[in-house]
Amino acid sequence: MNINPYEVKTKEELIGFLISLRSDLKINGKDWENPTLDDFLEGMEAWLTDTGSMTDTSIWGTFAIILSAGKSYE
């Protein structure tokens, strides 16, 4: 994945991040901890439950970080 989710600040950057994330799944899905939608959403839920680091990030960056966490957070 080429775009750092912590650097996403705008809607346009979030769209670019989503494109990159989807491409990474197609190319490297076998390396993802959570490659199915069910597992991905569960990873997002678990990460959101456990994290305390989402206070000062823009809304777009927050969403990108959450999506990134869904990829691998258990």
Protein backbone atom coordinates (compact mmCIF):
# COMPACT_ATOMS: atom_id res chain seq x y z
CA MET A 1 0.00 0.00 0.00
CA ASN A 2 1.44 3.34 -1.03
CA ILE A 3 -0.59 5.82 1.04
CA ASN A 4 0.03 6.24 4.77
CA PRO A 5 -3.39 6.39 6.52
CA TYR A 6 -1.94 8.84 9.09
CA GLU A 7 -1.31 11.34 6.29
CA VAL A 8 -4.86 11.35 4.87
CA LYS A 9 -6.43 14.76 5.52
CA THR A 10 -8.99 15.31 2.74
CA LYS A 11 -11.82 13.50 1.03
CA GLU A 12 -9.74 13.22 -2.14
CA GLU A 13 -6.85 11.68 -0.22
CA LEU A 14 -9.25 9.23 1.40
CA ILE A 15 -10.50 8.19 -2.04
CA GLY A 16 -6.91 7.62 -3.12
CA PHE A 17 -6.32 5.60 0.03
CA LEU A 18 -9.38 3.44 -0.67
CA ILE A 19 -8.17 2.77 -4.21
CA SER A 20 -4.75 1.82 -2.85
CA LEU A 21 -6.25 -0.38 -0.12
CA ARG A 22 -8.47 -2.24 -2.58
CA SER A 23 -5.53 -2.73 -4.94
CA ASP A 24 -3.42 -4.06 -2.09
CA LEU A 25 -6.15 -6.59 -1.25
CA LYS A 26 -6.27 -7.79 -4.86
CA ILE A 27 -2.48 -8.14 -5.06
CA ASN A 28 -1.56 -9.14 -1.49
CA GLY A 29 -4.81 -10.48 -0.02
CA LYS A 30 -3.12 -13.73 0.98
CA ASP A 31 -0.91 -11.68 3.32
CA TRP A 32 -3.81 -9.87 5.01
CA GLU A 33 -4.88 -11.05 8.46
CA ASN A 34 -8.50 -10.17 7.59
CA PRO A 35 -9.09 -10.68 3.84
CA THR A 36 -12.87 -11.30 3.97
CA LEU A 37 -15.40 -8.55 4.59
CA ASP A 38 -16.60 -10.24 7.78
CA ASP A 39 -13.07 -10.54 9.15
CA PHE A 40 -12.21 -7.02 7.98
CA LEU A 41 -15.20 -5.50 9.78
CA GLU A 42 -14.45 -7.54 12.90
CA GLY A 43 -10.87 -6.24 12.81
CA MET A 44 -12.13 -2.66 12.53
CA GLU A 45 -14.52 -3.21 15.45
CA ALA A 46 -11.81 -4.76 17.64
CA TRP A 47 -9.31 -2.03 16.85
CA LEU A 48 -11.84 0.74 17.58
CA THR A 49 -12.75 -0.94 20.86
CA ASP A 50 -9.10 -1.18 21.94
CA THR A 51 -7.61 2.09 20.65
CA GLY A 52 -7.35 5.35 22.50
CA SER A 53 -5.41 7.19 19.80
CA MET A 54 -8.22 8.70 17.72
CA THR A 55 -8.62 12.12 19.31
CA ASP A 56 -6.67 14.65 17.19
CA THR A 57 -6.84 13.27 13.66
CA SER A 58 -9.03 14.73 10.90
CA ILE A 59 -12.25 12.87 10.08
CA TRP A 60 -10.83 11.68 6.75
CA GLY A 61 -7.62 10.50 8.33
CA THR A 62 -9.57 8.78 11.09
CA PHE A 63 -11.58 6.81 8.55
CA ALA A 64 -8.45 5.84 6.62
CA ILE A 65 -6.77 4.65 9.82
CA ILE A 66 -9.83 2.59 10.74
CA LEU A 67 -9.86 0.95 7.29
CA SER A 68 -6.16 0.25 7.54
CA ALA A 69 -6.65 -1.35 10.96
CA GLY A 70 -9.35 -3.62 9.51
CA LYS A 71 -6.72 -5.15 7.27
CA SER A 72 -4.66 -6.67 10.05
CA TYR A 73 -5.89 -5.85 13.56
CA GLU A 74 -7.13 -8.87 15.50
